[in-house]
C-alpha atoms as a PDB file:
ATOM      1  CA  MET A   1     -64.186 -33.694  32.749  1.00  0.00           C
ATOM      2  CA  ALA A   2     -60.493 -32.682  32.224  1.00  0.00           C
ATOM      3  CA  SER A   3     -58.515 -32.835  29.042  1.00  0.00           C
ATOM      4  CA  PRO A   4     -55.119 -33.717  28.610  1.00  0.00           C
ATOM      5  CA  LEU A   5     -52.490 -31.958  26.616  1.00  0.00           C
ATOM      6  CA  THR A   6     -49.058 -33.172  25.851  1.00  0.00           C
ATOM      7  CA  LEU A   7     -47.485 -30.378  23.691  1.00  0.00           C
ATOM      8  CA  VAL A   8     -44.152 -31.795  22.074  1.00  0.00           C
ATOM      9  CA  MET A   9     -42.188 -28.898  20.459  1.00  0.00           C
ATOM     10  CA  PRO A  10     -38.861 -29.770  18.801  1.00  0.00           C
ATOM     11  CA  VAL A  11     -36.091 -27.461  19.628  1.00  0.00           C
ATOM     12  CA  ILE A  12     -34.271 -25.897  16.644  1.00  0.00           C
ATOM     13  CA  PRO A  13     -31.241 -27.840  16.061  1.00  0.00           C
ATOM     14  CA  GLY A  14     -27.970 -26.190  17.225  1.00  0.00           C
ATOM     15  CA  THR A  15     -29.832 -23.966  19.685  1.00  0.00           C
ATOM     16  CA  ASN A  16     -28.003 -23.177  23.052  1.00  0.00           C
ATOM     17  CA  LEU A  17     -29.632 -25.327  25.374  1.00  0.00           C
ATOM     18  CA  GLN A  18     -28.427 -23.302  28.476  1.00  0.00           C
ATOM     19  CA  THR A  19     -30.356 -20.470  27.023  1.00  0.00           C
ATOM     20  CA  VAL A  20     -33.465 -22.632  26.509  1.00  0.00           C
ATOM     21  CA  ALA A  21     -33.123 -24.076  30.173  1.00  0.00           C
ATOM     22  CA  ALA A  22     -32.676 -20.436  31.445  1.00  0.00           C
ATOM     23  CA  THR A  23     -35.691 -19.103  29.675  1.00  0.00           C
ATOM     24  CA  LEU A  24     -37.878 -21.891  30.930  1.00  0.00           C
ATOM     25  CA  GLU A  25     -36.674 -20.811  34.387  1.00  0.00           C
ATOM     26  CA  LYS A  26     -36.992 -17.257  34.144  1.00  0.00           C
ATOM     27  CA  TYR A  27     -40.732 -17.655  33.167  1.00  0.00           C
ATOM     28  CA  GLN A  28     -41.941 -20.105  35.690  1.00  0.00           C
ATOM     29  CA  PRO A  29     -42.969 -17.772  38.668  1.00  0.00           C
ATOM     30  CA  GLN A  30     -44.975 -15.828  35.640  1.00  0.00           C
ATOM     31  CA  LEU A  31     -46.264 -18.986  34.373  1.00  0.00           C
ATOM     32  CA  HIS A  32     -47.660 -20.358  37.788  1.00  0.00           C
ATOM     33  CA  GLU A  33     -49.317 -16.777  38.447  1.00  0.00           C
ATOM     34  CA  ALA A  34     -50.962 -17.075  35.007  1.00  0.00           C
ATOM     35  CA  LEU A  35     -51.980 -20.739  35.496  1.00  0.00           C
ATOM     36  CA  THR A  36     -53.661 -19.702  38.704  1.00  0.00           C
ATOM     37  CA  SER A  37     -55.447 -16.878  37.107  1.00  0.00           C
ATOM     38  CA  ILE A  38     -56.919 -18.826  34.234  1.00  0.00           C
ATOM     39  CA  GLY A  39     -58.495 -21.150  36.883  1.00  0.00           C
ATOM     40  CA  THR A  40     -59.031 -24.237  34.587  1.00  0.00           C
ATOM     41  CA  VAL A  41     -55.686 -25.930  34.645  1.00  0.00           C
ATOM     42  CA  HIS A  42     -55.470 -28.864  37.304  1.00  0.00           C
ATOM     43  CA  TYR A  43     -51.937 -29.364  36.684  1.00  0.00           C
ATOM     44  CA  ALA A  44     -49.121 -28.245  34.296  1.00  0.00           C
ATOM     45  CA  ARG A  45     -45.346 -28.786  33.741  1.00  0.00           C
ATOM     46  CA  THR A  46     -42.571 -27.916  31.254  1.00  0.00           C
ATOM     47  CA  LEU A  47     -39.844 -30.471  30.408  1.00  0.00           C
ATOM     48  CA  LEU A  48     -36.815 -30.352  28.220  1.00  0.00           C
ATOM     49  CA  LEU A  49     -36.358 -33.671  26.804  1.00  0.00           C
ATOM     50  CA  ASP A  50     -33.558 -35.210  24.993  1.00  0.00           C
ATOM     51  CA  GLY A  51     -34.834 -37.915  22.432  1.00  0.00           C
ATOM     52  CA  SER A  52     -31.274 -39.018  22.029  1.00  0.00           C
ATOM     53  CA  THR A  53     -31.002 -40.682  25.374  1.00  0.00           C
ATOM     54  CA  PRO A  54     -32.811 -43.706  26.595  1.00  0.00           C
ATOM     55  CA  ASN A  55     -34.708 -42.172  29.124  1.00  0.00           C
ATOM     56  CA  PHE A  56     -35.169 -38.745  27.713  1.00  0.00           C
ATOM     57  CA  GLN A  57     -33.228 -36.994  30.393  1.00  0.00           C
ATOM     58  CA  PRO A  58     -31.137 -34.064  28.850  1.00  0.00           C
ATOM     59  CA  SER A  59     -27.597 -34.808  28.429  1.00  0.00           C
ATOM     60  CA  GLY A  60     -26.535 -31.227  28.060  1.00  0.00           C
ATOM     61  CA  LYS A  61     -24.764 -31.744  24.822  1.00  0.00           C
ATOM     62  CA  SER A  62     -25.979 -30.098  21.793  1.00  0.00           C
ATOM     63  CA  GLY A  63     -28.031 -32.035  19.472  1.00  0.00           C
ATOM     64  CA  ASP A  64     -31.021 -32.264  17.115  1.00  0.00           C
ATOM     65  CA  SER A  65     -33.663 -34.149  19.213  1.00  0.00           C
ATOM     66  CA  TYR A  66     -34.354 -32.064  22.004  1.00  0.00           C
ATOM     67  CA  THR A  67     -38.107 -31.075  22.552  1.00  0.00           C
ATOM     68  CA  ILE A  68     -39.661 -28.564  24.742  1.00  0.00           C
ATOM     69  CA  THR A  69     -42.701 -30.340  26.216  1.00  0.00           C
ATOM     70  CA  VAL A  70     -45.583 -29.132  28.152  1.00  0.00           C
ATOM     71  CA  ILE A  71     -48.121 -31.550  29.912  1.00  0.00           C
ATOM     72  CA  THR A  72     -50.975 -30.379  31.558  1.00  0.00           C
ATOM     73  CA  GLU A  73     -54.747 -31.172  32.428  1.00  0.00           C
ATOM     74  CA  TYR A  74     -57.351 -28.631  31.875  1.00  0.00           C
ATOM     75  CA  ASP A  75     -61.132 -27.899  32.185  1.00  0.00           C
ATOM     76  CA  GLY A  76     -63.291 -26.871  29.338  1.00  0.00           C
ATOM     77  CA  SER A  77     -62.699 -27.021  25.642  1.00  0.00           C
ATOM     78  CA  PHE A  78     -59.420 -26.775  23.853  1.00  0.00           C
ATOM     79  CA  ASP A  79     -60.455 -23.556  21.920  1.00  0.00           C
ATOM     80  CA  ALA A  80     -61.395 -21.632  25.097  1.00  0.00           C
ATOM     81  CA  TYR A  81     -58.064 -23.094  26.906  1.00  0.00           C
ATOM     82  CA  ILE A  82     -56.056 -21.952  23.997  1.00  0.00           C
ATOM     83  CA  HIS A  83     -57.446 -18.477  23.976  1.00  0.00           C
ATOM     84  CA  ASP A  84     -56.917 -18.404  27.695  1.00  0.00           C
ATOM     85  CA  PHE A  85     -53.440 -19.304  27.280  1.00  0.00           C
ATOM     86  CA  VAL A  86     -52.999 -16.472  24.498  1.00  0.00           C
ATOM     87  CA  ALA A  87     -54.353 -14.085  26.813  1.00  0.00           C
ATOM     88  CA  GLN A  88     -52.406 -15.054  29.862  1.00  0.00           C
ATOM     89  CA  VAL A  89     -49.094 -16.653  28.783  1.00  0.00           C
ATOM     90  CA  GLY A  90     -48.756 -15.491  25.334  1.00  0.00           C
ATOM     91  CA  THR A  91     -45.365 -13.502  26.071  1.00  0.00           C
ATOM     92  CA  ILE A  92     -44.240 -16.790  27.678  1.00  0.00           C
ATOM     93  CA  PHE A  93     -44.769 -18.752  24.588  1.00  0.00           C
ATOM     94  CA  ASP A  94     -43.482 -15.969  22.579  1.00  0.00           C
ATOM     95  CA  ALA A  95     -40.302 -16.245  24.369  1.00  0.00           C
ATOM     96  CA  LEU A  96     -40.087 -20.174  23.920  1.00  0.00           C
ATOM     97  CA  LEU A  97     -41.134 -20.478  20.412  1.00  0.00           C
ATOM     98  CA  GLN A  98     -38.122 -18.700  19.146  1.00  0.00           C
ATOM     99  CA  PHE A  99     -36.267 -21.965  20.044  1.00  0.00           C
ATOM    100  CA  VAL A 100     -38.797 -24.206  18.486  1.00  0.00           C
ATOM    101  CA  VAL A 101     -38.978 -25.706  14.808  1.00  0.00           C
ATOM    102  CA  GLY A 102     -41.732 -23.546  13.230  1.00  0.00           C
ATOM    103  CA  GLY A 103     -42.261 -21.571  16.264  1.00  0.00           C
ATOM    104  CA  PRO A 104     -40.855 -17.799  14.999  1.00  0.00           C
ATOM    105  CA  ALA A 105     -43.463 -17.775  12.632  1.00  0.00           C
ATOM    106  CA  LEU A 106     -46.226 -17.856  15.101  1.00  0.00           C
ATOM    107  CA  ILE A 107     -44.814 -15.021  17.151  1.00  0.00           C
ATOM    108  CA  PRO A 108     -46.322 -13.044  18.401  1.00  0.00           C
ATOM    109  CA  VAL A 109     -49.045 -15.564  19.212  1.00  0.00           C
ATOM    110  CA  SER A 110     -51.620 -13.116  19.835  1.00  0.00           C
ATOM    111  CA  ASN A 111     -51.510 -12.028  16.459  1.00  0.00           C
ATOM    112  CA  ASN A 112     -51.528 -15.807  15.158  1.00  0.00           C
ATOM    113  CA  VAL A 113     -53.891 -17.333  17.323  1.00  0.00           C
ATOM    114  CA  THR A 114     -55.453 -19.582  14.439  1.00  0.00           C
ATOM    115  CA  ALA A 115     -52.161 -20.477  13.428  1.00  0.00           C
ATOM    116  CA  PHE A 116     -51.020 -21.261  17.117  1.00  0.00           C
ATOM    117  CA  GLN A 117     -53.929 -23.527  17.901  1.00  0.00           C
ATOM    118  CA  ALA A 118     -53.087 -25.421  14.933  1.00  0.00           C
ATOM    119  CA  PHE A 119     -49.687 -25.895  15.873  1.00  0.00           C
ATOM    120  CA  ILE A 120     -50.776 -27.044  19.306  1.00  0.00           C
ATOM    121  CA  ALA A 121     -53.072 -29.410  17.778  1.00  0.00           C
ATOM    122  CA  LYS A 122     -50.611 -30.833  15.309  1.00  0.00           C
ATOM    123  CA  ASN A 123     -47.951 -31.493  18.228  1.00  0.00           C
ATOM    124  CA  ASP A 124     -50.141 -32.299  21.190  1.00  0.00           C
ATOM    125  CA  ALA A 125     -49.676 -36.054  21.449  1.00  0.00           C
ATOM    126  CA  SER A 126     -52.379 -36.517  24.058  1.00  0.00           C
ATOM    127  CA  GLN A 127     -54.779 -36.100  20.780  1.00  0.00           C
ATOM    128  CA  HIS A 128     -53.308 -38.466  18.349  1.00  0.00           C
ATOM    129  CA  GLN A 129     -53.563 -42.348  18.561  1.00  0.00           C
ATOM    130  CA  PRO A 130     -52.871 -44.221  20.335  1.00  0.00           C
ATOM    131  CA  ASN A 131     -52.496 -41.716  23.203  1.00  0.00           C
ATOM    132  CA  ALA A 132     -55.800 -40.687  23.300  1.00  0.00           C
ATOM    133  CA  GLY A 133     -56.490 -42.161  26.986  1.00  0.00           C
ATOM    134  CA  LEU A 134     -56.791 -40.071  30.192  1.00  0.00           C
ATOM    135  CA  TYR A 135     -57.558 -41.512  33.635  1.00  0.00           C
ATOM    136  CA  GLN A 136     -59.359 -39.060  35.999  1.00  0.00           C
ATOM    137  CA  ALA A 137     -59.732 -39.872  39.698  1.00  0.00           C
ATOM    138  CA  TYR A 138     -62.669 -37.399  40.182  1.00  0.00           C
ATOM    139  CA  PRO A 139     -65.297 -35.514  38.151  1.00  0.00           C
ATOM    140  CA  TYR A 140     -64.670 -32.038  39.550  1.00  0.00           C
ATOM    141  CA  THR A 141     -63.551 -28.989  37.898  1.00  0.00           C
ATOM    142  CA  VAL A 142     -60.685 -26.742  39.203  1.00  0.00           C
ATOM    143  CA  GLN A 143     -63.222 -24.282  40.225  1.00  0.00           C
ATOM    144  CA  LYS A 144     -65.184 -26.943  42.222  1.00  0.00           C
ATOM    145  CA  ILE A 145     -62.139 -28.105  43.812  1.00  0.00           C
ATOM    146  CA  LEU A 146     -61.113 -24.643  45.110  1.00  0.00           C
ATOM    147  CA  ALA A 147     -64.750 -23.934  46.248  1.00  0.00           C
ATOM    148  CA  ALA A 148     -64.552 -26.741  48.389  1.00  0.00           C
ATOM    149  CA  LEU A 149     -61.063 -25.778  50.102  1.00  0.00           C
END
């Protein structure tokens, strides 16, 4: 059974959004490679959202309502998933957390695993009511799906 994660991280007001976008783009290949090697992630996407627009599409204007949002579904426990994340994509989170409210105190995440877990749990919209539901069309793990291919 997969578990959802919708990590919503508020961007520090006044942050240069082009720098955030460039950082997200820079790390996409490394992120994709790491998620493949973890082997428990069904889907993952990283978005830059603007809470000041009706459809959350980034306006490109500086503001205090941007978020870096990570949406994913994964197999296994939350703790195991976060430990895999720290081991495989910790440096990517280090790069992103410099732009996030409260994030600099977590860098490097490899030295702050417990605090990083608490930060993710606090900012995971999927784990807070009324957002706790997840539809899953199939009961298979990533590993079972890959083995069947």
